[in-house]
Amino acid sequence: MAILSKRLFESVSRDYRDQHGLPARLMAVGGGVSGVSGSDDPLAALDTARRRRSYALQQSIDLGVPYLFEPAPGILSWMVALEDRRRIHGGLIGGEVLCLKEGQTLKPTRQYLFKHGLATEAVETVLENLPAWDSARAEASARDLMNVFYLQSGWQAELMEENRLRRGQMEQLNRAIEDQRRQGQPALYAFEKERMLLATIRAGDRNGARSLLNEMLAVIYMSSPKLVVLRARAVELLSCLTRAAIEDNPLLEPMIERNHTWTEKLVAAGSFEKLSQLLMTALDDFSDAIYLQGVNRSNVKVSQAIDYIGRHYTRPISLRDVAAEVALSPCRLAHLMKTYTGRTVMQLIHQMRVTHAQKLLTTTAQSCTDIAYAVGFNDQSYFIKHFKRLTGTTPLRFRRAG
């Protein structure tokens, strides 16, 4: 049932045991469990073990983090889902520990283990061999197991990262709703909020834009929790943002078509959670479009050049390529770009690539090397050089700070 190399599994298990003194066990998607040489499964005979572990695996996938669970009352274990590029390969079980709540005794634990398949002697052996931990120590051990595995394997947990991000967004939204509830029934959000949101997007402050959008969604929800009304308000919000952006800059008119695409998705949303997720994703798309228009676009050729760069910056492109696209000589285009934007063509390309890289560093588990190639840099050292020049830090430090 090997789902990863024996050498990798043994290396991860060894490092994990050295750190925490616990064995790591490998669980296949079907529920079968194996360990390193000499490491058995003390709960193998428990008739509820497979079901609880399978549930823990699904929760780890859905939450994007290790999942702590009780295979029996008073016994704590944790599961780390193993994913590589949206394909689930099973999970790692980080051992079992005794974790009794205040005033809790071992009697319920013994009764449960005996009732669900363990012989009396086996019950006592299991309890004697389990270390006693508190939940904080277990949580730290679970995080370390996940970090050790993904660091050594180089696997990309893209789906889990997306789920973790969505969960964080919903938690922020729920907090905003609670804040609105504590303040009493709110009035409908003001038009000024939309302008504030647009200004925040123009400034390139994605986190600030998300925070403002959460406040607005909370007000929308509190005004009427009915899904049909929520859909209408979400569509209205996106349309207002699009209209305000076009009023500020007529060259943003192509955003009308993007708005239609997102409107169709919002209308089809089957829950407030899905609606909020779609609106957050639409906001990111909206932010990207606004960024591309954030420079002076009063010259038609400059506008066409920036649009072309925005569509192709992840590919190898040069000043000559862009000039040919807009029917200008490279020298003339270079002059116009510098005059109207204050940047050269290559500076704009590098800025777009680094901005895209920042987004991938904060929303995915892709390696820095993979991100460098994904955004259009053909050399990692070149990527690091321009990233540091434009942000003041390296990609790795940027990810850790996020």
Protein backbone atom coordinates (compact mmCIF):
# COMPACT_ATOMS: atom_id res chain seq x y z
CA MET A 1 0.00 0.00 0.00
CA ALA A 2 3.02 2.27 -0.48
CA ILE A 3 1.76 5.72 -1.46
CA LEU A 4 5.16 7.36 -1.15
CA SER A 5 8.70 6.07 -1.17
CA LYS A 6 9.86 3.97 1.77
CA ARG A 7 12.93 6.14 2.12
CA LEU A 8 10.85 9.35 2.39
CA PHE A 9 8.42 7.82 4.88
CA GLU A 10 11.22 6.53 7.07
CA SER A 11 13.03 9.87 6.93
CA VAL A 12 9.88 11.79 7.93
CA SER A 13 9.12 9.25 10.69
CA ARG A 14 12.66 9.44 12.03
CA ASP A 15 12.70 13.23 12.21
CA TYR A 16 9.24 13.30 13.76
CA ARG A 17 10.15 10.69 16.39
CA ASP A 18 13.37 12.57 17.22
CA GLN A 19 11.34 15.72 17.81
CA HIS A 20 8.38 14.30 19.70
CA GLY A 21 9.10 10.68 20.64
CA LEU A 22 6.05 9.39 18.76
CA PRO A 23 5.69 7.09 15.76
CA ALA A 24 4.13 8.28 12.51
CA ARG A 25 1.86 5.85 10.67
CA LEU A 26 0.81 5.89 7.06
CA MET A 27 -2.90 5.58 6.23
CA ALA A 28 -4.08 4.85 2.71
CA VAL A 29 -7.23 6.48 1.33
CA GLY A 30 -9.03 3.17 1.92
CA GLY A 31 -8.15 3.21 5.62
CA GLY A 32 -5.33 0.65 5.85
CA VAL A 33 -2.52 1.65 8.23
CA SER A 34 1.18 0.78 8.22
CA GLY A 35 4.23 2.02 10.10
CA VAL A 36 7.99 1.87 9.95
CA SER A 37 9.80 -1.30 10.96
CA GLY A 38 8.84 -2.37 14.46
CA SER A 39 6.04 0.19 14.76
CA ASP A 40 2.65 -1.45 15.21
CA ASP A 41 -0.78 0.10 15.57
CA PRO A 42 -2.06 -0.18 19.17
CA LEU A 43 -5.61 0.65 18.09
CA ALA A 44 -5.74 -1.70 15.11
CA ALA A 45 -8.29 -3.95 16.83
CA LEU A 46 -10.61 -1.06 17.68
CA ASP A 47 -13.70 -1.45 15.52
CA THR A 48 -14.27 2.31 15.33
CA ALA A 49 -10.67 3.25 14.48
CA ARG A 50 -10.95 3.12 10.70
CA ARG A 51 -14.14 5.18 10.60
CA ARG A 52 -12.76 7.89 12.91
CA ARG A 53 -9.47 8.05 11.07
CA SER A 54 -11.19 8.32 7.69
CA TYR A 55 -13.29 11.16 9.02
CA ALA A 56 -10.13 12.86 10.36
CA LEU A 57 -8.49 12.55 6.93
CA GLN A 58 -11.44 14.24 5.26
CA GLN A 59 -11.42 17.01 7.86
CA SER A 60 -7.71 17.62 7.34
CA ILE A 61 -8.37 18.01 3.61
CA ASP A 62 -11.37 20.28 4.11
CA LEU A 63 -9.66 22.50 6.70
CA GLY A 64 -6.23 22.47 5.06
CA VAL A 65 -4.49 21.78 8.40
CA PRO A 66 -3.75 18.80 10.67
CA TYR A 67 -6.90 17.51 12.35
CA LEU A 68 -6.93 16.45 16.01
CA PHE A 69 -9.46 13.78 17.01
CA GLU A 70 -10.25 11.26 19.75
CA PRO A 71 -10.13 7.60 18.64
CA ALA A 72 -11.39 6.88 22.17
CA PRO A 73 -12.42 9.10 25.12
CA GLY A 74 -9.30 10.59 26.72
CA ILE A 75 -6.99 9.48 23.87
CA LEU A 76 -5.91 12.15 21.38
CA SER A 77 -4.50 11.56 17.90
CA TRP A 78 -4.00 13.68 14.79
CA MET A 79 -4.12 13.28 11.04
CA VAL A 80 -2.18 15.09 8.30
CA ALA A 81 -3.64 14.69 4.81
CA LEU A 82 -1.09 13.91 2.08
CA GLU A 83 -1.86 15.82 -1.09
CA ASP A 84 0.18 16.54 -4.18
CA ARG A 85 -1.27 18.87 -6.80
CA ARG A 86 -4.91 18.21 -5.89
CA ARG A 87 -4.55 14.44 -5.63
CA ILE A 88 -5.00 12.86 -2.20
CA HIS A 89 -2.59 10.03 -1.37
CA GLY A 90 -3.75 9.18 2.15
CA GLY A 91 -2.63 10.61 5.48
CA LEU A 92 -0.10 10.49 8.28
CA ILE A 93 -1.27 9.57 11.79
CA GLY A 94 0.89 11.31 14.38
CA GLY A 95 0.60 8.74 17.15
CA GLU A 96 -1.69 8.64 20.20
CA VAL A 97 -1.40 10.32 23.61
CA LEU A 98 -3.46 10.47 26.78
CA CYS A 99 -5.15 13.84 27.05
CA LEU A 100 -7.54 13.84 30.00
CA LYS A 101 -9.70 16.84 30.76
CA GLU A 102 -9.77 18.21 34.29
CA GLY A 103 -11.53 15.73 36.57
CA GLN A 104 -11.62 13.04 33.86
CA THR A 105 -10.51 9.51 34.81
CA LEU A 106 -9.36 6.54 32.75
CA LYS A 107 -12.49 4.54 33.50
CA PRO A 108 -14.46 5.71 30.42
CA THR A 109 -11.37 5.09 28.27
CA ARG A 110 -10.98 1.52 29.53
CA GLN A 111 -14.68 0.80 29.05
CA TYR A 112 -14.67 2.19 25.50
CA LEU A 113 -11.57 0.27 24.40
CA PHE A 114 -12.90 -2.99 25.85
CA LYS A 115 -16.39 -2.48 24.39
CA HIS A 116 -15.02 -1.82 20.90
CA GLY A 117 -12.67 -4.74 20.46
CA LEU A 118 -9.61 -4.68 22.72
CA ALA A 119 -9.00 -7.47 25.22
CA THR A 120 -8.51 -6.50 28.87
CA GLU A 121 -4.75 -7.08 28.76
CA ALA A 122 -4.44 -5.12 25.52
CA VAL A 123 -6.35 -2.22 27.06
CA GLU A 124 -3.92 -2.01 29.98
CA THR A 125 -0.91 -2.31 27.68
CA VAL A 126 -2.16 0.53 25.48
CA LEU A 127 -2.83 2.83 28.44
CA GLU A 128 0.54 2.07 30.06
CA ASN A 129 2.44 2.93 26.88
CA LEU A 130 0.65 6.20 26.01
CA PRO A 131 2.42 9.40 27.14
CA ALA A 132 0.30 12.04 28.89
CA TRP A 133 0.14 15.34 26.97
CA ASP A 134 -1.95 18.48 27.02
CA SER A 135 -3.80 19.61 23.89
CA ALA A 136 -1.40 22.49 23.16
CA ARG A 137 1.53 20.07 22.92
CA ALA A 138 -0.50 17.81 20.65
CA GLU A 139 -1.38 20.72 18.35
CA ALA A 140 2.29 21.72 18.10
CA SER A 141 3.29 18.13 17.32
CA ALA A 142 0.62 17.92 14.60
CA ARG A 143 1.89 21.11 12.95
CA ASP A 144 5.47 19.83 13.08
CA LEU A 145 4.46 16.55 11.42
CA MET A 146 2.82 18.44 8.57
CA ASN A 147 5.77 20.79 8.17
CA VAL A 148 8.32 17.96 8.21
CA PHE A 149 6.45 15.96 5.59
CA TYR A 150 5.81 18.77 3.10
CA LEU A 151 9.31 20.20 3.54
CA GLN A 152 10.97 16.86 2.82
CA SER A 153 8.59 15.65 0.12
CA GLY A 154 8.24 18.87 -1.85
CA TRP A 155 4.59 17.91 -2.47
CA GLN A 156 2.20 20.74 -3.34
CA ALA A 157 -0.95 20.86 -1.18
CA GLU A 158 -2.85 23.15 -3.57
CA LEU A 159 -6.36 22.00 -2.64
CA MET A 160 -5.65 22.14 1.10
CA GLU A 161 -4.19 25.64 0.74
CA GLU A 162 -7.34 26.79 -1.06
CA ASN A 163 -9.54 25.24 1.62
CA ARG A 164 -7.47 26.81 4.39
CA LEU A 165 -7.71 30.22 2.73
CA ARG A 166 -11.47 29.92 2.25
CA ARG A 167 -11.89 28.89 5.88
CA GLY A 168 -9.91 31.93 6.99
CA GLN A 169 -12.05 34.19 4.84
CA MET A 170 -15.25 32.74 6.28
CA GLU A 171 -13.93 33.14 9.82
CA GLN A 172 -13.21 36.79 9.11
CA LEU A 173 -16.67 37.20 7.63
CA ASN A 174 -18.30 35.52 10.63
CA ARG A 175 -16.43 37.86 12.97
CA ALA A 176 -17.63 40.82 10.93
CA ILE A 177 -21.22 39.54 11.14
CA GLU A 178 -20.90 39.15 14.92
CA ASP A 179 -19.54 42.68 15.20
CA GLN A 180 -22.52 43.97 13.25
CA ARG A 181 -24.88 41.94 15.43
CA ARG A 182 -23.40 43.36 18.64
CA GLN A 183 -23.81 46.86 17.27
CA GLY A 184 -27.47 46.24 16.51
CA GLN A 185 -29.34 45.93 13.22
CA PRO A 186 -27.28 47.99 10.74
CA ALA A 187 -28.42 50.29 8.01
CA LEU A 188 -27.52 49.37 4.46
CA TYR A 189 -23.87 50.07 3.75
CA ALA A 190 -23.24 53.53 2.39
CA PHE A 191 -22.14 54.38 -1.12
CA GLU A 192 -18.95 55.77 0.44
CA LYS A 193 -17.98 52.20 1.43
CA GLU A 194 -17.89 51.22 -2.22
CA ARG A 195 -15.63 54.16 -2.97
CA MET A 196 -13.40 53.23 -0.05
CA LEU A 197 -13.19 49.67 -1.36
CA LEU A 198 -12.30 50.89 -4.84
CA ALA A 199 -9.63 53.22 -3.43
CA THR A 200 -8.17 50.38 -1.36
CA ILE A 201 -8.01 48.16 -4.45
CA ARG A 202 -6.32 50.93 -6.44
CA ALA A 203 -3.72 51.27 -3.67
CA GLY A 204 -2.90 47.57 -4.10
CA ASP A 205 -3.95 46.76 -0.52
CA ARG A 206 -5.53 43.31 -0.97
CA ASN A 207 -5.83 42.61 2.76
CA GLY A 208 -7.48 45.95 3.36
CA ALA A 209 -9.88 45.32 0.47
CA ARG A 210 -10.80 41.90 1.87
CA SER A 211 -11.43 43.42 5.30
CA LEU A 212 -13.71 46.10 3.83
CA LEU A 213 -15.55 43.53 1.73
CA ASN A 214 -16.13 41.40 4.84
CA GLU A 215 -17.69 44.41 6.59
CA MET A 216 -19.94 45.02 3.62
CA LEU A 217 -20.95 41.36 3.36
CA ALA A 218 -21.76 41.34 7.07
CA VAL A 219 -24.08 44.32 6.63
CA ILE A 220 -25.68 42.66 3.60
CA TYR A 221 -26.25 39.46 5.59
CA MET A 222 -27.70 41.30 8.58
CA SER A 223 -30.07 43.27 6.38
CA SER A 224 -31.57 40.02 5.06
CA PRO A 225 -30.19 36.47 5.41
CA LYS A 226 -32.40 35.14 2.59
CA LEU A 227 -30.20 33.67 -0.14
CA VAL A 228 -32.16 35.20 -3.02
CA VAL A 229 -31.68 38.65 -1.49
CA LEU A 230 -28.01 37.98 -0.73
CA ARG A 231 -27.38 37.00 -4.35
CA ALA A 232 -29.03 40.18 -5.59
CA ARG A 233 -27.02 42.34 -3.19
CA ALA A 234 -23.74 40.63 -4.17
CA VAL A 235 -24.46 41.22 -7.87
CA GLU A 236 -25.38 44.82 -7.09
CA LEU A 237 -22.13 45.33 -5.16
CA LEU A 238 -19.97 44.00 -7.99
CA SER A 239 -21.87 46.05 -10.54
CA CYS A 240 -21.44 49.21 -8.45
CA LEU A 241 -17.70 48.61 -8.20
CA THR A 242 -17.46 48.10 -11.96
CA ARG A 243 -19.51 51.22 -12.67
CA ALA A 244 -17.45 53.34 -10.26
CA ALA A 245 -14.20 52.10 -11.79
CA ILE A 246 -15.37 52.94 -15.33
CA GLU A 247 -16.54 56.40 -14.24
CA ASP A 248 -13.02 57.05 -12.93
CA ASN A 249 -11.35 55.65 -16.05
CA PRO A 250 -13.34 54.98 -19.24
CA LEU A 251 -10.55 52.70 -20.46
CA LEU A 252 -11.75 50.17 -17.89
CA GLU A 253 -14.85 49.46 -19.99
CA PRO A 254 -13.67 45.87 -20.82
CA MET A 255 -14.39 45.09 -17.15
CA ILE A 256 -18.10 45.05 -18.02
CA GLU A 257 -17.61 41.68 -19.72
CA ARG A 258 -15.75 40.33 -16.64
CA ASN A 259 -18.61 41.57 -14.49
CA HIS A 260 -21.11 39.60 -16.58
CA THR A 261 -19.06 36.42 -16.11
CA TRP A 262 -18.93 36.82 -12.33
CA THR A 263 -22.61 37.77 -12.17
CA GLU A 264 -23.55 34.43 -13.73
CA LYS A 265 -21.51 32.60 -11.09
CA LEU A 266 -22.96 34.64 -8.22
CA VAL A 267 -26.53 33.98 -9.37
CA ALA A 268 -25.81 30.22 -9.38
CA ALA A 269 -24.33 30.19 -5.85
CA GLY A 270 -26.20 27.72 -3.63
CA SER A 271 -25.24 29.08 -0.20
CA PHE A 272 -24.07 32.24 1.53
CA GLU A 273 -20.66 30.61 2.07
CA LYS A 274 -20.30 29.85 -1.65
CA LEU A 275 -21.55 33.33 -2.51
CA SER A 276 -18.95 34.92 -0.23
CA GLN A 277 -16.15 32.76 -1.65
CA LEU A 278 -17.10 33.73 -5.21
CA LEU A 279 -17.26 37.39 -4.30
CA MET A 280 -13.81 37.20 -2.70
CA THR A 281 -12.40 35.55 -5.84
CA ALA A 282 -14.14 38.13 -8.02
CA LEU A 283 -12.55 40.84 -5.87
CA ASP A 284 -9.10 39.38 -6.60
CA ASP A 285 -9.85 39.35 -10.32
CA PHE A 286 -11.20 42.90 -10.06
CA SER A 287 -8.03 43.96 -8.18
CA ASP A 288 -5.82 42.50 -10.91
CA ALA A 289 -7.71 44.42 -13.58
CA ILE A 290 -7.56 47.67 -11.59
CA TYR A 291 -3.82 47.20 -11.03
CA LEU A 292 -3.21 46.92 -14.76
CA GLN A 293 -5.07 50.20 -15.21
CA GLY A 294 -3.45 51.90 -12.22
CA VAL A 295 -1.08 53.94 -14.37
CA ASN A 296 -1.93 56.81 -16.69
CA ARG A 297 -3.65 55.19 -19.67
CA SER A 298 -4.62 58.29 -21.66
CA ASN A 299 -2.58 57.15 -24.66
CA VAL A 300 -4.35 54.48 -26.71
CA LYS A 301 -1.12 52.70 -27.74
CA VAL A 302 0.08 52.62 -24.13
CA SER A 303 -3.29 51.20 -23.09
CA GLN A 304 -3.07 48.48 -25.74
CA ALA A 305 0.51 47.65 -24.73
CA ILE A 306 -0.37 47.30 -21.04
CA ASP A 307 -3.36 45.11 -21.88
CA TYR A 308 -1.11 42.85 -23.97
CA ILE A 309 1.47 42.65 -21.18
CA GLY A 310 -1.28 41.84 -18.69
CA ARG A 311 -2.39 38.87 -20.79
CA HIS A 312 1.09 37.53 -21.57
CA TYR A 313 3.51 38.46 -18.77
CA THR A 314 3.77 34.84 -17.59
CA ARG A 315 5.33 33.97 -20.96
CA PRO A 316 8.69 35.03 -22.41
CA ILE A 317 7.95 38.48 -23.91
CA SER A 318 10.16 41.40 -24.86
CA LEU A 319 9.86 45.07 -25.81
CA ARG A 320 9.99 43.99 -29.46
CA ASP A 321 7.05 41.59 -28.95
CA VAL A 322 4.90 44.27 -27.34
CA ALA A 323 5.84 46.86 -29.96
CA ALA A 324 4.87 44.49 -32.78
CA GLU A 325 1.50 43.87 -31.10
CA VAL A 326 0.62 47.60 -31.02
CA ALA A 327 2.19 48.40 -34.42
CA LEU A 328 4.93 50.71 -33.15
CA SER A 329 8.69 50.60 -33.34
CA PRO A 330 10.38 49.41 -30.14
CA CYS A 331 12.01 52.83 -29.74
CA ARG A 332 8.69 54.71 -30.07
CA LEU A 333 6.87 52.39 -27.67
CA ALA A 334 9.68 52.66 -25.12
CA HIS A 335 9.42 56.45 -25.25
CA LEU A 336 5.63 56.45 -24.88
CA MET A 337 5.65 53.95 -22.01
CA LYS A 338 8.21 55.97 -20.08
CA THR A 339 6.34 59.21 -20.73
CA TYR A 340 2.88 57.97 -19.73
CA THR A 341 3.68 55.43 -17.01
CA GLY A 342 7.09 56.41 -15.71
CA ARG A 343 8.28 52.82 -16.29
CA THR A 344 9.93 50.85 -19.03
CA VAL A 345 8.19 47.88 -20.62
CA MET A 346 10.44 45.42 -18.80
CA GLN A 347 9.90 47.21 -15.46
CA LEU A 348 6.16 46.82 -15.92
CA ILE A 349 6.55 43.13 -16.85
CA HIS A 350 8.71 42.49 -13.78
CA GLN A 351 6.23 44.34 -11.54
CA MET A 352 3.32 42.24 -12.81
CA ARG A 353 5.29 39.03 -12.35
CA VAL A 354 6.32 39.91 -8.80
CA THR A 355 2.76 40.96 -7.88
CA HIS A 356 1.47 37.61 -9.18
CA ALA A 357 4.25 35.82 -7.27
CA GLN A 358 3.23 37.57 -4.03
CA LYS A 359 -0.29 36.23 -4.47
CA LEU A 360 0.94 32.66 -5.09
CA LEU A 361 3.30 32.82 -2.10
CA THR A 362 0.43 33.70 0.24
CA THR A 363 -2.30 31.49 -1.22
CA THR A 364 -0.51 28.31 -2.31
CA ALA A 365 2.13 25.87 -1.07
CA GLN A 366 4.06 25.93 -4.37
CA SER A 367 7.84 26.07 -4.01
CA CYS A 368 9.64 29.34 -4.81
CA THR A 369 11.20 27.65 -7.84
CA ASP A 370 7.81 26.58 -9.22
CA ILE A 371 6.38 30.06 -8.60
CA ALA A 372 9.32 31.68 -10.39
CA TYR A 373 8.56 29.67 -13.55
CA ALA A 374 4.79 30.06 -13.14
CA VAL A 375 4.95 33.87 -13.23
CA GLY A 376 7.37 34.03 -16.17
CA PHE A 377 10.90 34.11 -14.75
CA ASN A 378 13.12 31.48 -16.38
CA ASP A 379 15.76 31.60 -13.64
CA GLN A 380 15.22 31.46 -9.87
CA SER A 381 18.13 33.78 -9.03
CA TYR A 382 16.72 36.33 -11.50
CA PHE A 383 13.33 35.97 -9.81
CA ILE A 384 14.81 36.53 -6.33
CA LYS A 385 16.78 39.55 -7.56
CA HIS A 386 13.71 41.36 -8.95
CA PHE A 387 11.45 40.26 -6.10
CA LYS A 388 13.85 41.74 -3.54
CA ARG A 389 14.31 44.91 -5.59
CA LEU A 390 10.57 45.54 -5.77
CA THR A 391 9.49 44.35 -2.32
CA GLY A 392 12.58 44.79 -0.16
CA THR A 393 12.66 41.13 0.86
CA THR A 394 13.19 37.65 -0.57
CA PRO A 395 10.32 35.38 -1.65
CA LEU A 396 10.98 32.96 1.24
CA ARG A 397 10.99 35.70 3.86
CA PHE A 398 7.86 37.21 2.31
CA ARG A 399 6.07 33.84 2.64
CA ARG A 400 7.18 33.38 6.25
CA ALA A 401 6.07 36.90 7.18
CA GLY A 402 2.63 36.23 5.71
